[in-house]
Amino acid sequence: MLPKKFFDVLNHEGVVTVISWGDTEEPHFANTWNSYLVITEDERILIPAYGFRVTERNVNRVGKIKMSLGSKEVKGYKDYQGTGFYLEGTARFLSEGPDYDRMKEKYDFLTRVLEITPTFVQQKI
């Protein structure tokens, strides 16, 4: 599901925005960096979480997120400089298990791991 260009974007730094919502349609935005995303063999996205408390409450209620990320270093459509992606997916927070342990070794600051299973991915520019 994740196209090659998505992985190219992850090889360059850029801002990742995770959008969640709770019982209302009011969105909550949390940010991290491209370099913090780890993609598993089955294409789940793992993000180290230290803050993300509102995101966690929303995910526990709704179980879904939306996300955008990009980099100006990767050419987009028609060779324009810069590209980005929009995705939707199911989400949950991990506080134990093999994925948590692997992420904790890599990012010692995390207290939990946000796990995202993409259900829709689209290159935007």
PDB file of N, CA and C in Angstrom:
ATOM      1  N   MET A   1       0.813  -1.201   0.000  1.00  0.00           N
ATOM      2  CA  MET A   1       0.000   0.000   0.000  1.00  0.00           C
ATOM      3  C   MET A   1       0.854   1.261   0.000  1.00  0.00           C
ATOM      4  N   LEU A   2       1.974   1.260   0.716  1.00  0.00           N
ATOM      5  CA  LEU A   2       2.818   2.447   0.769  1.00  0.00           C
ATOM      6  C   LEU A   2       3.713   2.485  -0.467  1.00  0.00           C
ATOM      7  N   PRO A   3       3.589   3.542  -1.279  1.00  0.00           N
ATOM      8  CA  PRO A   3       4.386   3.618  -2.503  1.00  0.00           C
ATOM      9  C   PRO A   3       5.851   3.947  -2.218  1.00  0.00           C
ATOM     10  N   LYS A   4       6.708   3.651  -3.174  1.00  0.00           N
ATOM     11  CA  LYS A   4       8.139   3.895  -3.035  1.00  0.00           C
ATOM     12  C   LYS A   4       8.420   5.357  -2.682  1.00  0.00           C
ATOM     13  N   LYS A   5       7.721   6.277  -3.292  1.00  0.00           N
ATOM     14  CA  LYS A   5       7.971   7.703  -3.043  1.00  0.00           C
ATOM     15  C   LYS A   5       7.692   8.069  -1.585  1.00  0.00           C
ATOM     16  N   PHE A   6       6.779   7.365  -0.925  1.00  0.00           N
ATOM     17  CA  PHE A   6       6.523   7.579   0.504  1.00  0.00           C
ATOM     18  C   PHE A   6       7.805   7.296   1.293  1.00  0.00           C
ATOM     19  N   PHE A   7       8.462   6.200   0.960  1.00  0.00           N
ATOM     20  CA  PHE A   7       9.711   5.845   1.634  1.00  0.00           C
ATOM     21  C   PHE A   7      10.815   6.848   1.306  1.00  0.00           C
ATOM     22  N   ASP A   8      10.819   7.373   0.060  1.00  0.00           N
ATOM     23  CA  ASP A   8      11.779   8.409  -0.307  1.00  0.00           C
ATOM     24  C   ASP A   8      11.605   9.638   0.576  1.00  0.00           C
ATOM     25  N   VAL A   9      10.370  10.016   0.832  1.00  0.00           N
ATOM     26  CA  VAL A   9      10.091  11.169   1.704  1.00  0.00           C
ATOM     27  C   VAL A   9      10.642  10.923   3.101  1.00  0.00           C
ATOM     28  N   LEU A  10      10.497   9.706   3.601  1.00  0.00           N
ATOM     29  CA  LEU A  10      10.976   9.404   4.952  1.00  0.00           C
ATOM     30  C   LEU A  10      12.496   9.483   5.066  1.00  0.00           C
ATOM     31  N   ASN A  11      13.193   9.429   3.943  1.00  0.00           N
ATOM     32  CA  ASN A  11      14.652   9.548   3.963  1.00  0.00           C
ATOM     33  C   ASN A  11      15.124  10.993   4.105  1.00  0.00           C
ATOM     34  N   HIS A  12      14.184  11.939   4.135  1.00  0.00           N
ATOM     35  CA  HIS A  12      14.488  13.361   4.299  1.00  0.00           C
ATOM     36  C   HIS A  12      13.661  13.903   5.451  1.00  0.00           C
ATOM     37  N   GLU A  13      14.198  14.882   6.131  1.00  0.00           N
ATOM     38  CA  GLU A  13      13.460  15.431   7.279  1.00  0.00           C
ATOM     39  C   GLU A  13      12.293  16.285   6.814  1.00  0.00           C
ATOM     40  N   GLY A  14      11.255  16.245   7.574  1.00  0.00           N
ATOM     41  CA  GLY A  14      10.065  17.044   7.344  1.00  0.00           C
ATOM     42  C   GLY A  14       9.124  16.848   8.514  1.00  0.00           C
ATOM     43  N   VAL A  15       8.101  17.670   8.559  1.00  0.00           N
ATOM     44  CA  VAL A  15       7.137  17.607   9.648  1.00  0.00           C
ATOM     45  C   VAL A  15       6.041  16.606   9.317  1.00  0.00           C
ATOM     46  N   VAL A  16       5.657  15.825  10.312  1.00  0.00           N
ATOM     47  CA  VAL A  16       4.536  14.894  10.221  1.00  0.00           C
ATOM     48  C   VAL A  16       3.435  15.445  11.125  1.00  0.00           C
ATOM     49  N   THR A  17       2.237  15.552  10.603  1.00  0.00           N
ATOM     50  CA  THR A  17       1.101  15.996  11.402  1.00  0.00           C
ATOM     51  C   THR A  17       0.121  14.843  11.558  1.00  0.00           C
ATOM     52  N   VAL A  18      -0.170  14.509  12.804  1.00  0.00           N
ATOM     53  CA  VAL A  18      -1.135  13.462  13.134  1.00  0.00           C
ATOM     54  C   VAL A  18      -2.410  14.155  13.603  1.00  0.00           C
ATOM     55  N   ILE A  19      -3.522  13.841  12.955  1.00  0.00           N
ATOM     56  CA  ILE A  19      -4.801  14.469  13.260  1.00  0.00           C
ATOM     57  C   ILE A  19      -5.717  13.419  13.880  1.00  0.00           C
ATOM     58  N   SER A  20      -6.240  13.746  15.049  1.00  0.00           N
ATOM     59  CA  SER A  20      -7.179  12.851  15.728  1.00  0.00           C
ATOM     60  C   SER A  20      -8.394  13.656  16.155  1.00  0.00           C
ATOM     61  N   TRP A  21      -9.433  12.974  16.574  1.00  0.00           N
ATOM     62  CA  TRP A  21     -10.651  13.621  17.046  1.00  0.00           C
ATOM     63  C   TRP A  21     -11.320  12.706  18.045  1.00  0.00           C
ATOM     64  N   GLY A  22     -12.037  13.313  18.966  1.00  0.00           N
ATOM     65  CA  GLY A  22     -12.707  12.532  19.994  1.00  0.00           C
ATOM     66  C   GLY A  22     -14.190  12.411  19.716  1.00  0.00           C
ATOM     67  N   ASP A  23     -14.988  12.712  20.711  1.00  0.00           N
ATOM     68  CA  ASP A  23     -16.439  12.590  20.578  1.00  0.00           C
ATOM     69  C   ASP A  23     -17.032  13.660  19.676  1.00  0.00           C
ATOM     70  N   THR A  24     -16.292  14.740  19.459  1.00  0.00           N
ATOM     71  CA  THR A  24     -16.755  15.795  18.564  1.00  0.00           C
ATOM     72  C   THR A  24     -15.946  15.718  17.284  1.00  0.00           C
ATOM     73  N   GLU A  25     -16.306  16.506  16.325  1.00  0.00           N
ATOM     74  CA  GLU A  25     -15.553  16.572  15.071  1.00  0.00           C
ATOM     75  C   GLU A  25     -14.391  17.556  15.174  1.00  0.00           C
ATOM     76  N   GLU A  26     -14.176  18.142  16.349  1.00  0.00           N
ATOM     77  CA  GLU A  26     -13.079  19.085  16.543  1.00  0.00           C
ATOM     78  C   GLU A  26     -11.744  18.345  16.449  1.00  0.00           C
ATOM     79  N   PRO A  27     -10.911  18.669  15.446  1.00  0.00           N
ATOM     80  CA  PRO A  27      -9.649  17.936  15.295  1.00  0.00           C
ATOM     81  C   PRO A  27      -8.591  18.385  16.297  1.00  0.00           C
ATOM     82  N   HIS A  28      -7.709  17.462  16.600  1.00  0.00           N
ATOM     83  CA  HIS A  28      -6.533  17.760  17.410  1.00  0.00           C
ATOM     84  C   HIS A  28      -5.315  17.438  16.546  1.00  0.00           C
ATOM     85  N   PHE A  29      -4.331  18.332  16.536  1.00  0.00           N
ATOM     86  CA  PHE A  29      -3.137  18.167  15.726  1.00  0.00           C
ATOM     87  C   PHE A  29      -1.930  17.942  16.626  1.00  0.00           C
ATOM     88  N   ALA A  30      -1.137  16.925  16.306  1.00  0.00           N
ATOM     89  CA  ALA A  30       0.123  16.661  17.001  1.00  0.00           C
ATOM     90  C   ALA A  30       1.194  16.489  15.925  1.00  0.00           C
ATOM     91  N   ASN A  31       2.392  16.956  16.217  1.00  0.00           N
ATOM     92  CA  ASN A  31       3.457  16.904  15.219  1.00  0.00           C
ATOM     93  C   ASN A  31       4.646  16.085  15.692  1.00  0.00           C
ATOM     94  N   THR A  32       5.333  15.515  14.728  1.00  0.00           N
ATOM     95  CA  THR A  32       6.591  14.821  14.958  1.00  0.00           C
ATOM     96  C   THR A  32       7.420  15.000  13.691  1.00  0.00           C
ATOM     97  N   TRP A  33       8.481  14.217  13.540  1.00  0.00           N
ATOM     98  CA  TRP A  33       9.390  14.347  12.403  1.00  0.00           C
ATOM     99  C   TRP A  33       9.425  13.074  11.564  1.00  0.00           C
ATOM    100  N   ASN A  34       9.674  13.227  10.267  1.00  0.00           N
ATOM    101  CA  ASN A  34       9.791  12.076   9.367  1.00  0.00           C
ATOM    102  C   ASN A  34      10.763  11.043   9.905  1.00  0.00           C
ATOM    103  N   SER A  35      11.875  11.504  10.452  1.00  0.00           N
ATOM    104  CA  SER A  35      12.929  10.578  10.891  1.00  0.00           C
ATOM    105  C   SER A  35      12.503   9.707  12.067  1.00  0.00           C
ATOM    106  N   TYR A  36      11.413  10.034  12.737  1.00  0.00           N
ATOM    107  CA  TYR A  36      10.935   9.221  13.846  1.00  0.00           C
ATOM    108  C   TYR A  36      10.005   8.093  13.408  1.00  0.00           C
ATOM    109  N   LEU A  37       9.540   8.110  12.170  1.00  0.00           N
ATOM    110  CA  LEU A  37       8.627   7.067  11.713  1.00  0.00           C
ATOM    111  C   LEU A  37       9.393   5.797  11.362  1.00  0.00           C
ATOM    112  N   VAL A  38       8.908   4.681  11.872  1.00  0.00           N
ATOM    113  CA  VAL A  38       9.469   3.369  11.557  1.00  0.00           C
ATOM    114  C   VAL A  38       8.371   2.569  10.878  1.00  0.00           C
ATOM    115  N   ILE A  39       8.707   1.998   9.717  1.00  0.00           N
ATOM    116  CA  ILE A  39       7.734   1.218   8.963  1.00  0.00           C
ATOM    117  C   ILE A  39       8.061  -0.262   9.167  1.00  0.00           C
ATOM    118  N   THR A  40       7.071  -1.028   9.586  1.00  0.00           N
ATOM    119  CA  THR A  40       7.260  -2.462   9.806  1.00  0.00           C
ATOM    120  C   THR A  40       7.178  -3.203   8.478  1.00  0.00           C
ATOM    121  N   GLU A  41       7.545  -4.475   8.492  1.00  0.00           N
ATOM    122  CA  GLU A  41       7.485  -5.280   7.268  1.00  0.00           C
ATOM    123  C   GLU A  41       6.073  -5.363   6.700  1.00  0.00           C
ATOM    124  N   ASP A  42       5.070  -5.336   7.580  1.00  0.00           N
ATOM    125  CA  ASP A  42       3.683  -5.381   7.103  1.00  0.00           C
ATOM    126  C   ASP A  42       3.083  -3.979   6.937  1.00  0.00           C
ATOM    127  N   GLU A  43       3.962  -2.963   6.860  1.00  0.00           N
ATOM    128  CA  GLU A  43       3.626  -1.573   6.552  1.00  0.00           C
ATOM    129  C   GLU A  43       2.769  -0.870   7.595  1.00  0.00           C
ATOM    130  N   ARG A  44       2.903  -1.279   8.840  1.00  0.00           N
ATOM    131  CA  ARG A  44       2.365  -0.464   9.917  1.00  0.00           C
ATOM    132  C   ARG A  44       3.377   0.643  10.200  1.00  0.00           C
ATOM    133  N   ILE A  45       2.894   1.779  10.643  1.00  0.00           N
ATOM    134  CA  ILE A  45       3.762   2.910  10.957  1.00  0.00           C
ATOM    135  C   ILE A  45       3.853   3.026  12.469  1.00  0.00           C
ATOM    136  N   LEU A  46       5.072   3.032  12.983  1.00  0.00           N
ATOM    137  CA  LEU A  46       5.307   3.170  14.417  1.00  0.00           C
ATOM    138  C   LEU A  46       5.927   4.537  14.684  1.00  0.00           C
ATOM    139  N   ILE A  47       5.367   5.241  15.662  1.00  0.00           N
ATOM    140  CA  ILE A  47       5.844   6.576  16.015  1.00  0.00           C
ATOM    141  C   ILE A  47       6.110   6.604  17.511  1.00  0.00           C
ATOM    142  N   PRO A  48       7.328   7.011  17.926  1.00  0.00           N
ATOM    143  CA  PRO A  48       7.591   7.122  19.355  1.00  0.00           C
ATOM    144  C   PRO A  48       6.751   8.260  19.943  1.00  0.00           C
ATOM    145  N   ALA A  49       6.135   7.997  21.080  1.00  0.00           N
ATOM    146  CA  ALA A  49       5.284   9.001  21.717  1.00  0.00           C
ATOM    147  C   ALA A  49       5.790   9.287  23.125  1.00  0.00           C
ATOM    148  N   TYR A  50       6.005  10.551  23.391  1.00  0.00           N
ATOM    149  CA  TYR A  50       6.296  11.012  24.743  1.00  0.00           C
ATOM    150  C   TYR A  50       5.109  11.842  25.221  1.00  0.00           C
ATOM    151  N   GLY A  51       4.736  12.819  24.425  1.00  0.00           N
ATOM    152  CA  GLY A  51       3.517  13.594  24.664  1.00  0.00           C
ATOM    153  C   GLY A  51       2.335  12.831  24.073  1.00  0.00           C
ATOM    154  N   PHE A  52       1.672  13.430  23.128  1.00  0.00           N
ATOM    155  CA  PHE A  52       0.570  12.787  22.393  1.00  0.00           C
ATOM    156  C   PHE A  52      -0.559  12.318  23.316  1.00  0.00           C
ATOM    157  N   ARG A  53      -0.756  12.992  24.451  1.00  0.00           N
ATOM    158  CA  ARG A  53      -1.788  12.556  25.412  1.00  0.00           C
ATOM    159  C   ARG A  53      -3.206  12.766  24.870  1.00  0.00           C
ATOM    160  N   VAL A  54      -3.460  13.914  24.247  1.00  0.00           N
ATOM    161  CA  VAL A  54      -4.789  14.150  23.668  1.00  0.00           C
ATOM    162  C   VAL A  54      -5.016  13.191  22.503  1.00  0.00           C
ATOM    163  N   THR A  55      -3.988  12.983  21.694  1.00  0.00           N
ATOM    164  CA  THR A  55      -4.091  12.024  20.598  1.00  0.00           C
ATOM    165  C   THR A  55      -4.443  10.640  21.135  1.00  0.00           C
ATOM    166  N   GLU A  56      -3.798  10.243  22.220  1.00  0.00           N
ATOM    167  CA  GLU A  56      -4.086   8.934  22.807  1.00  0.00           C
ATOM    168  C   GLU A  56      -5.532   8.835  23.288  1.00  0.00           C
ATOM    169  N   ARG A  57      -6.023   9.868  23.960  1.00  0.00           N
ATOM    170  CA  ARG A  57      -7.434   9.849  24.406  1.00  0.00           C
ATOM    171  C   ARG A  57      -8.367   9.721  23.200  1.00  0.00           C
ATOM    172  N   ASN A  58      -8.072  10.487  22.152  1.00  0.00           N
ATOM    173  CA  ASN A  58      -8.918  10.438  20.956  1.00  0.00           C
ATOM    174  C   ASN A  58      -8.858   9.075  20.272  1.00  0.00           C
ATOM    175  N   VAL A  59      -7.666   8.519  20.151  1.00  0.00           N
ATOM    176  CA  VAL A  59      -7.511   7.201  19.536  1.00  0.00           C
ATOM    177  C   VAL A  59      -8.247   6.149  20.352  1.00  0.00           C
ATOM    178  N   ASN A  60      -8.196   6.246  21.667  1.00  0.00           N
ATOM    179  CA  ASN A  60      -8.917   5.288  22.510  1.00  0.00           C
ATOM    180  C   ASN A  60     -10.426   5.389  22.309  1.00  0.00           C
ATOM    181  N   ARG A  61     -10.926   6.554  21.928  1.00  0.00           N
ATOM    182  CA  ARG A  61     -12.359   6.728  21.682  1.00  0.00           C
ATOM    183  C   ARG A  61     -12.750   6.306  20.265  1.00  0.00           C
ATOM    184  N   VAL A  62     -11.968   6.750  19.284  1.00  0.00           N
ATOM    185  CA  VAL A  62     -12.361   6.614  17.882  1.00  0.00           C
ATOM    186  C   VAL A  62     -11.579   5.521  17.157  1.00  0.00           C
ATOM    187  N   GLY A  63     -10.299   5.361  17.474  1.00  0.00           N
ATOM    188  CA  GLY A  63      -9.478   4.323  16.854  1.00  0.00           C
ATOM    189  C   GLY A  63      -8.957   4.646  15.470  1.00  0.00           C
ATOM    190  N   LYS A  64      -9.082   5.904  15.060  1.00  0.00           N
ATOM    191  CA  LYS A  64      -8.645   6.302  13.723  1.00  0.00           C
ATOM    192  C   LYS A  64      -7.837   7.594  13.799  1.00  0.00           C
ATOM    193  N   ILE A  65      -6.982   7.784  12.783  1.00  0.00           N
ATOM    194  CA  ILE A  65      -6.248   9.046  12.645  1.00  0.00           C
ATOM    195  C   ILE A  65      -6.201   9.420  11.172  1.00  0.00           C
ATOM    196  N   LYS A  66      -5.804  10.653  10.946  1.00  0.00           N
ATOM    197  CA  LYS A  66      -5.410  11.124   9.621  1.00  0.00           C
ATOM    198  C   LYS A  66      -4.015  11.700   9.802  1.00  0.00           C
ATOM    199  N   MET A  67      -3.229  11.683   8.739  1.00  0.00           N
ATOM    200  CA  MET A  67      -1.851  12.117   8.871  1.00  0.00           C
ATOM    201  C   MET A  67      -1.381  12.723   7.562  1.00  0.00           C
ATOM    202  N   SER A  68      -0.499  13.715   7.665  1.00  0.00           N
ATOM    203  CA  SER A  68       0.161  14.244   6.480  1.00  0.00           C
ATOM    204  C   SER A  68       1.647  14.384   6.767  1.00  0.00           C
ATOM    205  N   LEU A  69       2.433  14.217   5.716  1.00  0.00           N
ATOM    206  CA  LEU A  69       3.874  14.380   5.830  1.00  0.00           C
ATOM    207  C   LEU A  69       4.424  14.704   4.461  1.00  0.00           C
ATOM    208  N   GLY A  70       5.630  15.240   4.438  1.00  0.00           N
ATOM    209  CA  GLY A  70       6.234  15.561   3.164  1.00  0.00           C
ATOM    210  C   GLY A  70       7.674  15.976   3.317  1.00  0.00           C
ATOM    211  N   SER A  71       8.279  16.283   2.190  1.00  0.00           N
ATOM    212  CA  SER A  71       9.646  16.791   2.158  1.00  0.00           C
ATOM    213  C   SER A  71       9.830  17.616   0.898  1.00  0.00           C
ATOM    214  N   LYS A  72      10.512  18.719   1.025  1.00  0.00           N
ATOM    215  CA  LYS A  72      10.816  19.530  -0.148  1.00  0.00           C
ATOM    216  C   LYS A  72      11.970  18.941  -0.953  1.00  0.00           C
ATOM    217  N   GLU A  73      12.624  17.929  -0.427  1.00  0.00           N
ATOM    218  CA  GLU A  73      13.785  17.324  -1.072  1.00  0.00           C
ATOM    219  C   GLU A  73      13.422  16.243  -2.096  1.00  0.00           C
ATOM    220  N   VAL A  74      12.167  15.811  -2.129  1.00  0.00           N
ATOM    221  CA  VAL A  74      11.746  14.736  -3.031  1.00  0.00           C
ATOM    222  C   VAL A  74      10.830  15.328  -4.092  1.00  0.00           C
ATOM    223  N   LYS A  75      11.135  15.040  -5.343  1.00  0.00           N
ATOM    224  CA  LYS A  75      10.317  15.586  -6.425  1.00  0.00           C
ATOM    225  C   LYS A  75       8.943  14.945  -6.439  1.00  0.00           C
ATOM    226  N   GLY A  76       7.959  15.785  -6.698  1.00  0.00           N
ATOM    227  CA  GLY A  76       6.580  15.320  -6.768  1.00  0.00           C
ATOM    228  C   GLY A  76       6.147  15.097  -8.202  1.00  0.00           C
ATOM    229  N   TYR A  77       4.877  15.310  -8.451  1.00  0.00           N
ATOM    230  CA  TYR A  77       4.331  15.157  -9.795  1.00  0.00           C
ATOM    231  C   TYR A  77       5.017  16.130 -10.747  1.00  0.00           C
ATOM    232  N   LYS A  78       5.182  15.699 -11.991  1.00  0.00           N
ATOM    233  CA  LYS A  78       5.738  16.542 -13.059  1.00  0.00           C
ATOM    234  C   LYS A  78       7.079  17.152 -12.672  1.00  0.00           C
ATOM    235  N   ASP A  79       7.841  16.439 -11.835  1.00  0.00           N
ATOM    236  CA  ASP A  79       9.178  16.860 -11.422  1.00  0.00           C
ATOM    237  C   ASP A  79       9.196  18.170 -10.633  1.00  0.00           C
ATOM    238  N   TYR A  80       8.074  18.557 -10.031  1.00  0.00           N
ATOM    239  CA  TYR A  80       8.085  19.713  -9.133  1.00  0.00           C
ATOM    240  C   TYR A  80       8.852  19.339  -7.879  1.00  0.00           C
ATOM    241  N   GLN A  81       9.604  20.310  -7.359  1.00  0.00           N
ATOM    242  CA  GLN A  81      10.379  20.052  -6.154  1.00  0.00           C
ATOM    243  C   GLN A  81       9.441  19.987  -4.951  1.00  0.00           C
ATOM    244  N   GLY A  82       9.540  18.911  -4.190  1.00  0.00           N
ATOM    245  CA  GLY A  82       8.732  18.726  -2.995  1.00  0.00           C
ATOM    246  C   GLY A  82       7.504  17.879  -3.267  1.00  0.00           C
ATOM    247  N   THR A  83       7.213  17.032  -2.302  1.00  0.00           N
ATOM    248  CA  THR A  83       5.996  16.227  -2.396  1.00  0.00           C
ATOM    249  C   THR A  83       5.514  15.888  -0.991  1.00  0.00           C
ATOM    250  N   GLY A  84       4.279  15.468  -0.906  1.00  0.00           N
ATOM    251  CA  GLY A  84       3.712  15.113   0.387  1.00  0.00           C
ATOM    252  C   GLY A  84       2.656  14.037   0.240  1.00  0.00           C
ATOM    253  N   PHE A  85       2.302  13.470   1.377  1.00  0.00           N
ATOM    254  CA  PHE A  85       1.307  12.398   1.405  1.00  0.00           C
ATOM    255  C   PHE A  85       0.260  12.679   2.462  1.00  0.00           C
ATOM    256  N   TYR A  86      -0.933  12.213   2.168  1.00  0.00           N
ATOM    257  CA  TYR A  86      -2.051  12.223   3.106  1.00  0.00           C
ATOM    258  C   TYR A  86      -2.420  10.770   3.321  1.00  0.00           C
ATOM    259  N   LEU A  87      -2.646  10.398   4.571  1.00  0.00           N
ATOM    260  CA  LEU A  87      -3.112   9.031   4.803  1.00  0.00           C
ATOM    261  C   LEU A  87      -4.133   8.999   5.920  1.00  0.00           C
ATOM    262  N   GLU A  88      -4.921   7.956   5.884  1.00  0.00           N
ATOM    263  CA  GLU A  88      -5.887   7.650   6.931  1.00  0.00           C
ATOM    264  C   GLU A  88      -5.576   6.251   7.426  1.00  0.00           C
ATOM    265  N   GLY A  89      -5.909   5.981   8.674  1.00  0.00           N
ATOM    266  CA  GLY A  89      -5.668   4.644   9.171  1.00  0.00           C
ATOM    267  C   GLY A  89      -6.265   4.404  10.534  1.00  0.00           C
ATOM    268  N   THR A  90      -6.205   3.156  10.934  1.00  0.00           N
ATOM    269  CA  THR A  90      -6.588   2.801  12.292  1.00  0.00           C
ATOM    270  C   THR A  90      -5.362   2.989  13.181  1.00  0.00           C
ATOM    271  N   ALA A  91      -5.590   3.216  14.454  1.00  0.00           N
ATOM    272  CA  ALA A  91      -4.468   3.515  15.345  1.00  0.00           C
ATOM    273  C   ALA A  91      -4.713   2.939  16.729  1.00  0.00           C
ATOM    274  N   ARG A  92      -3.608   2.725  17.414  1.00  0.00           N
ATOM    275  CA  ARG A  92      -3.642   2.345  18.823  1.00  0.00           C
ATOM    276  C   ARG A  92      -2.284   2.694  19.418  1.00  0.00           C
ATOM    277  N   PHE A  93      -2.258   2.775  20.739  1.00  0.00           N
ATOM    278  CA  PHE A  93      -1.017   3.054  21.453  1.00  0.00           C
ATOM    279  C   PHE A  93      -0.525   1.778  22.112  1.00  0.00           C
ATOM    280  N   LEU A  94       0.772   1.526  21.985  1.00  0.00           N
ATOM    281  CA  LEU A  94       1.406   0.352  22.577  1.00  0.00           C
ATOM    282  C   LEU A  94       2.252   0.783  23.771  1.00  0.00           C
ATOM    283  N   SER A  95       2.172   0.026  24.843  1.00  0.00           N
ATOM    284  CA  SER A  95       3.028   0.290  26.001  1.00  0.00           C
ATOM    285  C   SER A  95       3.805  -0.952  26.420  1.00  0.00           C
ATOM    286  N   GLU A  96       3.723  -1.980  25.588  1.00  0.00           N
ATOM    287  CA  GLU A  96       4.478  -3.212  25.821  1.00  0.00           C
ATOM    288  C   GLU A  96       4.478  -4.028  24.543  1.00  0.00           C
ATOM    289  N   GLY A  97       5.303  -5.067  24.532  1.00  0.00           N
ATOM    290  CA  GLY A  97       5.349  -5.972  23.392  1.00  0.00           C
ATOM    291  C   GLY A  97       6.585  -5.747  22.537  1.00  0.00           C
ATOM    292  N   PRO A  98       6.778  -6.594  21.522  1.00  0.00           N
ATOM    293  CA  PRO A  98       7.994  -6.547  20.712  1.00  0.00           C
ATOM    294  C   PRO A  98       8.192  -5.228  19.966  1.00  0.00           C
ATOM    295  N   ASP A  99       7.109  -4.669  19.399  1.00  0.00           N
ATOM    296  CA  ASP A  99       7.245  -3.391  18.692  1.00  0.00           C
ATOM    297  C   ASP A  99       7.607  -2.267  19.659  1.00  0.00           C
ATOM    298  N   TYR A 100       6.985  -2.278  20.828  1.00  0.00           N
ATOM    299  CA  TYR A 100       7.331  -1.286  21.855  1.00  0.00           C
ATOM    300  C   TYR A 100       8.801  -1.421  22.242  1.00  0.00           C
ATOM    301  N   ASP A 101       9.253  -2.639  22.506  1.00  0.00           N
ATOM    302  CA  ASP A 101      10.637  -2.867  22.933  1.00  0.00           C
ATOM    303  C   ASP A 101      11.624  -2.408  21.863  1.00  0.00           C
ATOM    304  N   ARG A 102      11.328  -2.746  20.613  1.00  0.00           N
ATOM    305  CA  ARG A 102      12.215  -2.336  19.513  1.00  0.00           C
ATOM    306  C   ARG A 102      12.291  -0.817  19.406  1.00  0.00           C
ATOM    307  N   MET A 103      11.166  -0.157  19.541  1.00  0.00           N
ATOM    308  CA  MET A 103      11.145   1.306  19.454  1.00  0.00           C
ATOM    309  C   MET A 103      11.836   1.942  20.664  1.00  0.00           C
ATOM    310  N   LYS A 104      11.663   1.350  21.846  1.00  0.00           N
ATOM    311  CA  LYS A 104      12.283   1.886  23.066  1.00  0.00           C
ATOM    312  C   LYS A 104      13.809   1.833  22.963  1.00  0.00           C
ATOM    313  N   GLU A 105      14.336   0.792  22.323  1.00  0.00           N
ATOM    314  CA  GLU A 105      15.785   0.705  22.112  1.00  0.00           C
ATOM    315  C   GLU A 105      16.276   1.830  21.214  1.00  0.00           C
ATOM    316  N   LYS A 106      15.475   2.170  20.231  1.00  0.00           N
ATOM    317  CA  LYS A 106      15.867   3.193  19.257  1.00  0.00           C
ATOM    318  C   LYS A 106      15.620   4.611  19.778  1.00  0.00           C
ATOM    319  N   TYR A 107      14.532   4.802  20.512  1.00  0.00           N
ATOM    320  CA  TYR A 107      14.131   6.117  21.017  1.00  0.00           C
ATOM    321  C   TYR A 107      13.879   5.997  22.517  1.00  0.00           C
ATOM    322  N   ASP A 108      14.911   6.197  23.309  1.00  0.00           N
ATOM    323  CA  ASP A 108      14.797   5.950  24.748  1.00  0.00           C
ATOM    324  C   ASP A 108      13.859   6.914  25.468  1.00  0.00           C
ATOM    325  N   PHE A 109      13.477   8.015  24.810  1.00  0.00           N
ATOM    326  CA  PHE A 109      12.606   9.014  25.434  1.00  0.00           C
ATOM    327  C   PHE A 109      11.131   8.622  25.415  1.00  0.00           C
ATOM    328  N   LEU A 110      10.740   7.646  24.602  1.00  0.00           N
ATOM    329  CA  LEU A 110       9.313   7.364  24.443  1.00  0.00           C
ATOM    330  C   LEU A 110       8.708   6.746  25.705  1.00  0.00           C
ATOM    331  N   THR A 111       7.428   6.993  25.872  1.00  0.00           N
ATOM    332  CA  THR A 111       6.675   6.341  26.945  1.00  0.00           C
ATOM    333  C   THR A 111       5.638   5.366  26.374  1.00  0.00           C
ATOM    334  N   ARG A 112       5.294   5.563  25.105  1.00  0.00           N
ATOM    335  CA  ARG A 112       4.373   4.700  24.384  1.00  0.00           C
ATOM    336  C   ARG A 112       4.734   4.757  22.914  1.00  0.00           C
ATOM    337  N   VAL A 113       4.117   3.917  22.125  1.00  0.00           N
ATOM    338  CA  VAL A 113       4.315   3.920  20.677  1.00  0.00           C
ATOM    339  C   VAL A 113       2.948   4.052  20.018  1.00  0.00           C
ATOM    340  N   LEU A 114       2.827   5.006  19.110  1.00  0.00           N
ATOM    341  CA  LEU A 114       1.621   5.129  18.302  1.00  0.00           C
ATOM    342  C   LEU A 114       1.789   4.217  17.091  1.00  0.00           C
ATOM    343  N   GLU A 115       0.892   3.248  16.972  1.00  0.00           N
ATOM    344  CA  GLU A 115       0.900   2.309  15.857  1.00  0.00           C
ATOM    345  C   GLU A 115      -0.241   2.675  14.915  1.00  0.00           C
ATOM    346  N   ILE A 116       0.093   2.887  13.648  1.00  0.00           N
ATOM    347  CA  ILE A 116      -0.898   3.245  12.636  1.00  0.00           C
ATOM    348  C   ILE A 116      -0.903   2.177  11.544  1.00  0.00           C
ATOM    349  N   THR A 117      -2.078   1.682  11.223  1.00  0.00           N
ATOM    350  CA  THR A 117      -2.247   0.768  10.101  1.00  0.00           C
ATOM    351  C   THR A 117      -2.965   1.545   8.999  1.00  0.00           C
ATOM    352  N   PRO A 118      -2.232   1.925   7.936  1.00  0.00           N
ATOM    353  CA  PRO A 118      -2.865   2.733   6.880  1.00  0.00           C
ATOM    354  C   PRO A 118      -4.001   1.993   6.190  1.00  0.00           C
ATOM    355  N   THR A 119      -5.076   2.734   5.920  1.00  0.00           N
ATOM    356  CA  THR A 119      -6.196   2.205   5.144  1.00  0.00           C
ATOM    357  C   THR A 119      -6.367   2.975   3.842  1.00  0.00           C
ATOM    358  N   PHE A 120      -5.748   4.157   3.762  1.00  0.00           N
ATOM    359  CA  PHE A 120      -5.813   4.999   2.551  1.00  0.00           C
ATOM    360  C   PHE A 120      -4.542   5.842   2.517  1.00  0.00           C
ATOM    361  N   VAL A 121      -3.878   5.874   1.367  1.00  0.00           N
ATOM    362  CA  VAL A 121      -2.672   6.680   1.176  1.00  0.00           C
ATOM    363  C   VAL A 121      -2.749   7.360  -0.166  1.00  0.00           C
ATOM    364  N   GLN A 122      -2.461   8.675  -0.182  1.00  0.00           N
ATOM    365  CA  GLN A 122      -2.520   9.414  -1.432  1.00  0.00           C
ATOM    366  C   GLN A 122      -1.393  10.442  -1.490  1.00  0.00           C
ATOM    367  N   GLN A 123      -0.659  10.435  -2.597  1.00  0.00           N
ATOM    368  CA  GLN A 123       0.334  11.485  -2.816  1.00  0.00           C
ATOM    369  C   GLN A 123      -0.414  12.751  -3.205  1.00  0.00           C
ATOM    370  N   LYS A 124      -0.048  13.881  -2.603  1.00  0.00           N
ATOM    371  CA  LYS A 124      -0.810  15.102  -2.803  1.00  0.00           C
ATOM    372  C   LYS A 124      -0.188  16.076  -3.805  1.00  0.00           C
ATOM    373  N   ILE A 125       1.115  16.142  -3.862  1.00  0.00           N
ATOM    374  CA  ILE A 125       1.744  17.090  -4.795  1.00  0.00           C
ATOM    375  C   ILE A 125       2.929  16.447  -5.470  1.00  0.00           C
TER     376      ILE A 125
END
